[in-house]
Amino acid sequence: MADDDAAPGIDYRALLHDALIGVVRNLLRLAATDGLPGDHHFFLSFRTDAPGVEMAARLFRQNPQEMTIVLQHQYWNLQVDDDAFGVTLKFGGAPERLVVPFAALTAFVDPSVPFGLRLQALAEPEPAAAGEPAAEAPASEPAAAVASAPREAGTVVDFAAFRKRE
């Protein structure tokens, strides 16, 4: 059988990414209908420059690439659909509506447990310059202990300092 006749392979990276986004979507749906139980609270990091993100221009100027929001005590009108979530939060005392497509998420953390997921976008590989190897798209990667992962610029923040001590 010739290579061009071969059946396409299974894209496990995309399947895993979809499954992890499903976890976040389900958690946000629970929070939208039932609120957050106990000490649970969510840190959601996302690309502000991703297609479909809706936010006030002043917030975008302050966060032109990535932003982390916290859903804990003061959030309103959390709405979740299959492709995005919307929520109203206060920034500098002023309520602002955000709409974030799930494809824009880069990380999810519930530091009360601790539990976290690193959700890197499934970008197309960039074309390689002459003499350089082709870049691979980053994979979605579960990180049950994100708080202990080393910090990389623009990815996961160590939230251990924010955890409630008993």
N, C-alpha and C. Protein backbone atom coordinates (compact mmCIF):
# COMPACT_ATOMS: atom_id res chain seq x y z
N MET A 1 0.85 -1.18 0.00
CA MET A 1 0.00 0.00 0.00
C MET A 1 0.89 1.24 0.00
N ALA A 2 0.65 2.16 -0.90
CA ALA A 2 1.46 3.36 -1.02
C ALA A 2 1.14 4.31 0.14
N ASP A 3 2.12 5.18 0.46
CA ASP A 3 1.95 6.12 1.56
C ASP A 3 0.74 7.03 1.37
N ASP A 4 0.48 7.46 0.11
CA ASP A 4 -0.64 8.36 -0.09
C ASP A 4 -1.99 7.65 0.00
N ASP A 5 -1.99 6.31 0.01
CA ASP A 5 -3.22 5.54 0.19
C ASP A 5 -3.47 5.20 1.66
N ALA A 6 -2.48 5.45 2.51
CA ALA A 6 -2.58 5.07 3.92
C ALA A 6 -3.67 5.89 4.61
N ALA A 7 -4.36 5.25 5.55
CA ALA A 7 -5.38 5.94 6.34
C ALA A 7 -4.69 6.96 7.24
N PRO A 8 -5.31 8.12 7.46
CA PRO A 8 -4.70 9.11 8.34
C PRO A 8 -4.58 8.55 9.75
N GLY A 9 -3.56 9.02 10.47
CA GLY A 9 -3.34 8.56 11.84
C GLY A 9 -4.32 9.20 12.80
N ILE A 10 -4.31 8.70 14.00
CA ILE A 10 -5.15 9.24 15.07
C ILE A 10 -4.40 10.40 15.72
N ASP A 11 -5.04 11.53 15.84
CA ASP A 11 -4.43 12.71 16.44
C ASP A 11 -4.70 12.68 17.95
N TYR A 12 -3.87 11.95 18.67
CA TYR A 12 -4.05 11.80 20.11
C TYR A 12 -3.92 13.13 20.84
N ARG A 13 -3.05 13.98 20.35
CA ARG A 13 -2.86 15.29 20.99
C ARG A 13 -4.17 16.08 20.96
N ALA A 14 -4.84 16.12 19.82
CA ALA A 14 -6.10 16.84 19.70
C ALA A 14 -7.19 16.20 20.56
N LEU A 15 -7.22 14.87 20.60
CA LEU A 15 -8.21 14.18 21.43
C LEU A 15 -7.99 14.49 22.91
N LEU A 16 -6.74 14.49 23.35
CA LEU A 16 -6.44 14.79 24.75
C LEU A 16 -6.79 16.24 25.06
N HIS A 17 -6.46 17.15 24.17
CA HIS A 17 -6.79 18.56 24.37
C HIS A 17 -8.30 18.74 24.51
N ASP A 18 -9.07 18.10 23.62
CA ASP A 18 -10.54 18.19 23.69
C ASP A 18 -11.07 17.63 25.01
N ALA A 19 -10.49 16.54 25.47
CA ALA A 19 -10.92 15.94 26.74
C ALA A 19 -10.63 16.87 27.91
N LEU A 20 -9.44 17.49 27.92
CA LEU A 20 -9.09 18.39 29.01
C LEU A 20 -9.97 19.64 28.99
N ILE A 21 -10.25 20.16 27.81
CA ILE A 21 -11.17 21.30 27.71
C ILE A 21 -12.55 20.88 28.22
N GLY A 22 -12.95 19.64 27.96
CA GLY A 22 -14.22 19.13 28.47
C GLY A 22 -14.28 19.15 29.99
N VAL A 23 -13.17 18.84 30.65
CA VAL A 23 -13.11 18.89 32.11
C VAL A 23 -13.35 20.32 32.58
N VAL A 24 -12.66 21.27 31.98
CA VAL A 24 -12.82 22.68 32.37
C VAL A 24 -14.24 23.15 32.09
N ARG A 25 -14.78 22.79 30.94
CA ARG A 25 -16.15 23.18 30.57
C ARG A 25 -17.13 22.65 31.61
N ASN A 26 -16.99 21.39 31.99
CA ASN A 26 -17.90 20.79 32.98
C ASN A 26 -17.77 21.46 34.34
N LEU A 27 -16.54 21.80 34.76
CA LEU A 27 -16.35 22.48 36.03
C LEU A 27 -16.99 23.87 36.01
N LEU A 28 -16.85 24.57 34.90
CA LEU A 28 -17.47 25.89 34.79
C LEU A 28 -18.99 25.78 34.76
N ARG A 29 -19.50 24.75 34.11
CA ARG A 29 -20.97 24.56 34.12
C ARG A 29 -21.48 24.29 35.53
N LEU A 30 -20.75 23.50 36.30
CA LEU A 30 -21.13 23.27 37.71
C LEU A 30 -21.13 24.58 38.49
N ALA A 31 -20.10 25.38 38.28
CA ALA A 31 -20.01 26.66 38.98
C ALA A 31 -21.14 27.59 38.56
N ALA A 32 -21.52 27.54 37.28
CA ALA A 32 -22.61 28.41 36.79
C ALA A 32 -23.95 28.02 37.38
N THR A 33 -24.18 26.73 37.57
CA THR A 33 -25.49 26.29 38.07
C THR A 33 -25.55 26.19 39.59
N ASP A 34 -24.47 25.72 40.22
CA ASP A 34 -24.50 25.45 41.65
C ASP A 34 -23.59 26.35 42.48
N GLY A 35 -22.78 27.19 41.84
CA GLY A 35 -21.78 27.96 42.57
C GLY A 35 -20.58 27.08 42.89
N LEU A 36 -19.59 27.67 43.53
CA LEU A 36 -18.38 26.93 43.89
C LEU A 36 -18.50 26.44 45.33
N PRO A 37 -18.38 25.14 45.55
CA PRO A 37 -18.53 24.62 46.92
C PRO A 37 -17.26 24.84 47.75
N GLY A 38 -17.44 25.03 49.04
CA GLY A 38 -16.31 25.10 49.97
C GLY A 38 -15.30 26.16 49.57
N ASP A 39 -14.02 25.75 49.60
CA ASP A 39 -12.93 26.67 49.28
C ASP A 39 -12.51 26.63 47.82
N HIS A 40 -13.25 25.91 46.99
CA HIS A 40 -12.87 25.82 45.58
C HIS A 40 -12.90 27.20 44.93
N HIS A 41 -11.91 27.45 44.12
CA HIS A 41 -11.86 28.65 43.29
C HIS A 41 -10.97 28.34 42.10
N PHE A 42 -11.22 29.04 41.00
CA PHE A 42 -10.56 28.71 39.74
C PHE A 42 -9.71 29.87 39.25
N PHE A 43 -8.50 29.55 38.86
CA PHE A 43 -7.63 30.47 38.14
C PHE A 43 -7.67 30.02 36.68
N LEU A 44 -8.04 30.91 35.79
CA LEU A 44 -8.13 30.59 34.36
C LEU A 44 -7.21 31.54 33.60
N SER A 45 -6.20 31.00 32.94
CA SER A 45 -5.30 31.80 32.12
C SER A 45 -5.68 31.60 30.66
N PHE A 46 -5.63 32.69 29.89
CA PHE A 46 -6.01 32.60 28.49
C PHE A 46 -5.25 33.63 27.67
N ARG A 47 -5.18 33.35 26.38
CA ARG A 47 -4.57 34.26 25.42
C ARG A 47 -5.58 35.36 25.11
N THR A 48 -5.24 36.60 25.44
CA THR A 48 -6.14 37.71 25.18
C THR A 48 -6.18 38.07 23.69
N ASP A 49 -5.15 37.66 22.96
CA ASP A 49 -5.07 37.96 21.53
C ASP A 49 -5.65 36.84 20.66
N ALA A 50 -6.26 35.84 21.28
CA ALA A 50 -6.84 34.72 20.53
C ALA A 50 -8.15 35.14 19.87
N PRO A 51 -8.46 34.52 18.72
CA PRO A 51 -9.73 34.83 18.05
C PRO A 51 -10.93 34.55 18.96
N GLY A 52 -11.88 35.47 18.96
CA GLY A 52 -13.12 35.28 19.72
C GLY A 52 -13.10 35.81 21.13
N VAL A 53 -11.93 36.20 21.66
CA VAL A 53 -11.89 36.76 23.01
C VAL A 53 -12.52 38.14 22.96
N GLU A 54 -13.46 38.39 23.89
CA GLU A 54 -14.11 39.69 24.00
C GLU A 54 -13.81 40.26 25.37
N MET A 55 -13.23 41.46 25.37
CA MET A 55 -12.90 42.14 26.62
C MET A 55 -12.77 43.63 26.36
N ALA A 56 -12.87 44.41 27.41
CA ALA A 56 -12.75 45.86 27.29
C ALA A 56 -11.37 46.22 26.75
N ALA A 57 -11.33 47.28 25.94
CA ALA A 57 -10.06 47.71 25.34
C ALA A 57 -9.02 48.02 26.41
N ARG A 58 -9.42 48.60 27.53
CA ARG A 58 -8.46 48.95 28.58
C ARG A 58 -7.83 47.69 29.19
N LEU A 59 -8.62 46.63 29.31
CA LEU A 59 -8.06 45.37 29.83
C LEU A 59 -7.10 44.76 28.83
N PHE A 60 -7.44 44.85 27.55
CA PHE A 60 -6.55 44.32 26.52
C PHE A 60 -5.23 45.08 26.50
N ARG A 61 -5.28 46.40 26.65
CA ARG A 61 -4.04 47.19 26.68
C ARG A 61 -3.16 46.78 27.85
N GLN A 62 -3.78 46.43 28.98
CA GLN A 62 -3.02 46.01 30.15
C GLN A 62 -2.52 44.57 30.03
N ASN A 63 -3.20 43.77 29.21
CA ASN A 63 -2.89 42.35 29.06
C ASN A 63 -2.92 41.98 27.57
N PRO A 64 -1.94 42.44 26.79
CA PRO A 64 -2.03 42.26 25.33
C PRO A 64 -1.81 40.83 24.84
N GLN A 65 -1.30 39.94 25.69
CA GLN A 65 -1.07 38.56 25.25
C GLN A 65 -1.76 37.53 26.12
N GLU A 66 -1.64 37.64 27.42
CA GLU A 66 -2.21 36.63 28.30
C GLU A 66 -2.72 37.29 29.57
N MET A 67 -3.74 36.66 30.14
CA MET A 67 -4.37 37.18 31.35
C MET A 67 -4.83 36.01 32.20
N THR A 68 -4.79 36.18 33.50
CA THR A 68 -5.34 35.18 34.42
C THR A 68 -6.45 35.83 35.21
N ILE A 69 -7.60 35.17 35.23
CA ILE A 69 -8.74 35.64 36.02
C ILE A 69 -9.01 34.63 37.12
N VAL A 70 -9.67 35.09 38.16
CA VAL A 70 -10.00 34.23 39.30
C VAL A 70 -11.50 34.23 39.49
N LEU A 71 -12.08 33.04 39.53
CA LEU A 71 -13.49 32.89 39.88
C LEU A 71 -13.52 32.37 41.31
N GLN A 72 -13.96 33.23 42.23
CA GLN A 72 -14.02 32.82 43.61
C GLN A 72 -15.26 33.41 44.26
N HIS A 73 -15.18 34.59 44.81
CA HIS A 73 -16.32 35.17 45.52
C HIS A 73 -17.12 36.14 44.68
N GLN A 74 -16.45 36.94 43.88
CA GLN A 74 -17.14 38.01 43.16
C GLN A 74 -17.04 37.80 41.65
N TYR A 75 -17.96 37.03 41.16
CA TYR A 75 -18.14 36.89 39.71
C TYR A 75 -19.64 36.78 39.47
N TRP A 76 -20.07 37.26 38.30
CA TRP A 76 -21.48 37.30 38.01
C TRP A 76 -21.75 36.81 36.59
N ASN A 77 -22.96 36.35 36.38
CA ASN A 77 -23.43 35.97 35.05
C ASN A 77 -22.48 35.01 34.32
N LEU A 78 -22.03 34.00 35.03
CA LEU A 78 -21.19 32.98 34.39
C LEU A 78 -22.07 32.17 33.45
N GLN A 79 -21.75 32.22 32.17
CA GLN A 79 -22.49 31.48 31.15
C GLN A 79 -21.50 30.62 30.39
N VAL A 80 -21.87 29.37 30.18
CA VAL A 80 -20.97 28.42 29.54
C VAL A 80 -21.69 27.76 28.38
N ASP A 81 -21.08 27.79 27.21
CA ASP A 81 -21.62 27.02 26.09
C ASP A 81 -20.53 26.07 25.61
N ASP A 82 -20.75 25.43 24.50
CA ASP A 82 -19.80 24.41 24.03
C ASP A 82 -18.45 24.98 23.64
N ASP A 83 -18.42 26.22 23.16
CA ASP A 83 -17.19 26.78 22.61
C ASP A 83 -16.53 27.85 23.46
N ALA A 84 -17.27 28.43 24.43
CA ALA A 84 -16.73 29.57 25.18
C ALA A 84 -17.47 29.72 26.50
N PHE A 85 -16.92 30.57 27.35
CA PHE A 85 -17.63 30.96 28.56
C PHE A 85 -17.56 32.49 28.66
N GLY A 86 -18.56 33.04 29.32
CA GLY A 86 -18.60 34.48 29.57
C GLY A 86 -18.83 34.70 31.05
N VAL A 87 -18.23 35.74 31.57
CA VAL A 87 -18.36 36.05 32.99
C VAL A 87 -18.15 37.55 33.18
N THR A 88 -18.80 38.09 34.21
CA THR A 88 -18.58 39.48 34.58
C THR A 88 -17.75 39.49 35.86
N LEU A 89 -16.67 40.25 35.83
CA LEU A 89 -15.77 40.41 36.96
C LEU A 89 -15.53 41.89 37.18
N LYS A 90 -15.05 42.25 38.36
CA LYS A 90 -14.71 43.64 38.62
C LYS A 90 -13.21 43.84 38.45
N PHE A 91 -12.86 44.89 37.72
CA PHE A 91 -11.48 45.29 37.51
C PHE A 91 -11.39 46.75 37.93
N GLY A 92 -10.62 47.02 38.98
CA GLY A 92 -10.54 48.39 39.48
C GLY A 92 -11.88 48.91 39.96
N GLY A 93 -12.73 48.02 40.46
CA GLY A 93 -14.04 48.39 40.97
C GLY A 93 -15.13 48.48 39.92
N ALA A 94 -14.76 48.38 38.63
CA ALA A 94 -15.74 48.49 37.56
C ALA A 94 -16.06 47.11 36.99
N PRO A 95 -17.35 46.77 36.85
CA PRO A 95 -17.69 45.46 36.27
C PRO A 95 -17.37 45.44 34.78
N GLU A 96 -16.79 44.34 34.34
CA GLU A 96 -16.44 44.15 32.92
C GLU A 96 -16.84 42.74 32.52
N ARG A 97 -17.42 42.63 31.36
CA ARG A 97 -17.81 41.32 30.81
C ARG A 97 -16.66 40.79 29.97
N LEU A 98 -16.32 39.53 30.18
CA LEU A 98 -15.32 38.83 29.38
C LEU A 98 -15.98 37.65 28.70
N VAL A 99 -15.63 37.38 27.47
CA VAL A 99 -16.02 36.16 26.78
C VAL A 99 -14.72 35.50 26.33
N VAL A 100 -14.55 34.24 26.72
CA VAL A 100 -13.31 33.53 26.43
C VAL A 100 -13.62 32.21 25.75
N PRO A 101 -13.19 32.05 24.51
CA PRO A 101 -13.34 30.74 23.86
C PRO A 101 -12.45 29.72 24.57
N PHE A 102 -12.91 28.50 24.68
CA PHE A 102 -12.10 27.47 25.33
C PHE A 102 -10.78 27.25 24.60
N ALA A 103 -10.76 27.51 23.30
CA ALA A 103 -9.53 27.37 22.53
C ALA A 103 -8.46 28.36 22.97
N ALA A 104 -8.85 29.45 23.65
CA ALA A 104 -7.89 30.46 24.09
C ALA A 104 -7.26 30.12 25.44
N LEU A 105 -7.83 29.15 26.18
CA LEU A 105 -7.31 28.82 27.51
C LEU A 105 -5.90 28.24 27.43
N THR A 106 -5.05 28.67 28.37
CA THR A 106 -3.70 28.13 28.46
C THR A 106 -3.48 27.36 29.76
N ALA A 107 -4.27 27.66 30.79
CA ALA A 107 -4.11 26.94 32.06
C ALA A 107 -5.39 27.06 32.89
N PHE A 108 -5.62 26.03 33.70
CA PHE A 108 -6.72 26.00 34.66
C PHE A 108 -6.14 25.47 35.95
N VAL A 109 -6.40 26.16 37.07
CA VAL A 109 -5.92 25.71 38.37
C VAL A 109 -7.01 25.92 39.41
N ASP A 110 -7.23 24.92 40.25
CA ASP A 110 -8.03 25.07 41.46
C ASP A 110 -7.06 24.84 42.61
N PRO A 111 -6.48 25.92 43.15
CA PRO A 111 -5.45 25.77 44.18
C PRO A 111 -5.96 25.25 45.52
N SER A 112 -7.27 25.15 45.70
CA SER A 112 -7.80 24.64 46.96
C SER A 112 -7.61 23.14 47.09
N VAL A 113 -7.33 22.45 45.98
CA VAL A 113 -7.29 20.99 46.02
C VAL A 113 -5.87 20.42 46.19
N PRO A 114 -4.81 20.73 45.56
CA PRO A 114 -4.57 21.46 44.32
C PRO A 114 -4.76 20.59 43.08
N PHE A 115 -5.25 21.22 42.04
CA PHE A 115 -5.46 20.55 40.76
C PHE A 115 -5.22 21.57 39.66
N GLY A 116 -4.57 21.15 38.60
CA GLY A 116 -4.34 22.07 37.51
C GLY A 116 -4.13 21.36 36.19
N LEU A 117 -4.41 22.08 35.13
CA LEU A 117 -4.20 21.59 33.78
C LEU A 117 -3.47 22.66 32.98
N ARG A 118 -2.48 22.24 32.24
CA ARG A 118 -1.81 23.14 31.30
C ARG A 118 -2.46 22.89 29.95
N LEU A 119 -3.05 23.92 29.38
CA LEU A 119 -3.83 23.79 28.15
C LEU A 119 -3.21 24.69 27.09
N GLN A 120 -2.24 24.19 26.40
CA GLN A 120 -1.60 25.00 25.37
C GLN A 120 -2.35 24.81 24.07
N ALA A 121 -2.48 25.88 23.33
CA ALA A 121 -3.22 25.84 22.08
C ALA A 121 -2.60 24.86 21.11
N LEU A 122 -3.44 24.24 20.32
CA LEU A 122 -2.96 23.32 19.29
C LEU A 122 -2.68 24.11 18.03
N ALA A 123 -1.62 24.86 18.06
CA ALA A 123 -1.27 25.71 16.92
C ALA A 123 -0.64 24.87 15.82
N GLU A 124 -0.77 25.38 14.61
CA GLU A 124 -0.10 24.73 13.49
C GLU A 124 1.39 24.94 13.65
N PRO A 125 2.22 23.94 13.29
CA PRO A 125 3.66 24.15 13.36
C PRO A 125 4.07 25.28 12.44
N GLU A 126 5.01 26.10 12.91
CA GLU A 126 5.49 27.19 12.09
C GLU A 126 6.50 26.66 11.08
N PRO A 127 6.52 27.24 9.88
CA PRO A 127 7.47 26.77 8.89
C PRO A 127 8.89 27.03 9.38
N ALA A 128 9.76 26.07 9.13
CA ALA A 128 11.14 26.19 9.57
C ALA A 128 11.93 27.07 8.61
N ALA A 129 12.84 27.84 9.17
CA ALA A 129 13.76 28.61 8.34
C ALA A 129 14.78 27.63 7.76
N ALA A 130 15.47 28.06 6.73
CA ALA A 130 16.45 27.18 6.08
C ALA A 130 17.46 26.69 7.10
N GLY A 131 17.65 25.39 7.14
CA GLY A 131 18.64 24.79 8.03
C GLY A 131 18.16 24.57 9.45
N GLU A 132 16.91 24.91 9.78
CA GLU A 132 16.40 24.70 11.14
C GLU A 132 15.36 23.59 11.13
N PRO A 133 15.25 22.81 12.21
CA PRO A 133 14.22 21.79 12.28
C PRO A 133 12.84 22.43 12.39
N ALA A 134 11.82 21.76 11.89
CA ALA A 134 10.45 22.26 11.97
C ALA A 134 10.01 22.28 13.42
N ALA A 135 9.28 23.34 13.79
CA ALA A 135 8.76 23.44 15.15
C ALA A 135 7.54 22.56 15.28
N GLU A 136 7.40 21.90 16.43
CA GLU A 136 6.22 21.08 16.68
C GLU A 136 5.21 21.90 17.46
N ALA A 137 3.94 21.62 17.23
CA ALA A 137 2.89 22.29 17.99
C ALA A 137 2.95 21.80 19.43
N PRO A 138 2.73 22.69 20.40
CA PRO A 138 2.73 22.26 21.79
C PRO A 138 1.55 21.36 22.08
N ALA A 139 1.76 20.40 22.93
CA ALA A 139 0.70 19.45 23.29
C ALA A 139 -0.01 19.93 24.55
N SER A 140 -1.28 19.59 24.67
CA SER A 140 -1.97 19.80 25.93
C SER A 140 -1.38 18.80 26.90
N GLU A 141 -1.22 19.24 28.12
CA GLU A 141 -0.52 18.39 29.05
C GLU A 141 -1.18 18.47 30.41
N PRO A 142 -1.68 17.34 30.92
CA PRO A 142 -2.25 17.39 32.26
C PRO A 142 -1.15 17.61 33.27
N ALA A 143 -1.43 18.38 34.29
CA ALA A 143 -0.45 18.63 35.33
C ALA A 143 -1.19 18.63 36.65
N ALA A 144 -1.31 17.47 37.26
CA ALA A 144 -2.07 17.34 38.49
C ALA A 144 -1.46 18.18 39.61
N ALA A 145 -0.18 18.48 39.50
CA ALA A 145 0.47 19.31 40.51
C ALA A 145 1.11 20.51 39.84
N VAL A 146 0.31 21.30 39.17
CA VAL A 146 0.82 22.47 38.45
C VAL A 146 1.58 23.38 39.38
N ALA A 147 1.12 23.50 40.62
CA ALA A 147 1.76 24.43 41.55
C ALA A 147 3.22 24.09 41.78
N SER A 148 3.61 22.84 41.58
CA SER A 148 5.00 22.48 41.79
C SER A 148 5.81 22.46 40.51
N ALA A 149 5.15 22.74 39.38
CA ALA A 149 5.86 22.75 38.11
C ALA A 149 6.72 24.00 38.02
N PRO A 150 7.87 23.91 37.34
CA PRO A 150 8.70 25.11 37.19
C PRO A 150 7.96 26.16 36.38
N ARG A 151 8.17 27.41 36.71
CA ARG A 151 7.48 28.50 36.02
C ARG A 151 8.18 28.81 34.72
N GLU A 152 7.37 28.86 33.67
CA GLU A 152 7.85 29.27 32.37
C GLU A 152 7.11 30.53 32.00
N ALA A 153 7.76 31.42 31.30
CA ALA A 153 7.14 32.69 30.92
C ALA A 153 5.84 32.44 30.18
N GLY A 154 4.75 33.04 30.66
CA GLY A 154 3.47 32.97 29.98
C GLY A 154 2.74 31.66 30.10
N THR A 155 3.13 30.77 31.01
CA THR A 155 2.39 29.52 31.11
C THR A 155 1.78 29.39 32.50
N VAL A 156 2.41 28.67 33.39
CA VAL A 156 1.80 28.34 34.67
C VAL A 156 2.45 29.12 35.80
N VAL A 157 1.63 29.66 36.67
CA VAL A 157 2.11 30.42 37.80
C VAL A 157 2.03 29.54 39.04
N ASP A 158 2.98 29.69 39.96
CA ASP A 158 2.98 28.94 41.21
C ASP A 158 1.97 29.58 42.15
N PHE A 159 0.84 28.91 42.36
CA PHE A 159 -0.23 29.45 43.17
C PHE A 159 -0.14 28.98 44.62
N ALA A 160 0.91 28.27 45.00
CA ALA A 160 1.03 27.74 46.35
C ALA A 160 0.98 28.87 47.39
N ALA A 161 1.52 30.03 47.05
CA ALA A 161 1.53 31.15 47.99
C ALA A 161 0.12 31.66 48.28
N PHE A 162 -0.82 31.40 47.39
CA PHE A 162 -2.18 31.88 47.55
C PHE A 162 -3.09 30.88 48.28
N ARG A 163 -2.59 29.67 48.48
CA ARG A 163 -3.43 28.65 49.11
C ARG A 163 -3.73 29.00 50.55
N LYS A 164 -4.92 28.68 50.96
CA LYS A 164 -5.34 28.93 52.33
C LYS A 164 -4.61 27.95 53.25
N ARG A 165 -4.01 28.48 54.27
CA ARG A 165 -3.27 27.67 55.25
C ARG A 165 -4.20 27.32 56.40
N GLU A 166 -4.04 26.12 56.93
CA GLU A 166 -4.87 25.73 58.08
C GLU A 166 -4.07 25.73 59.33
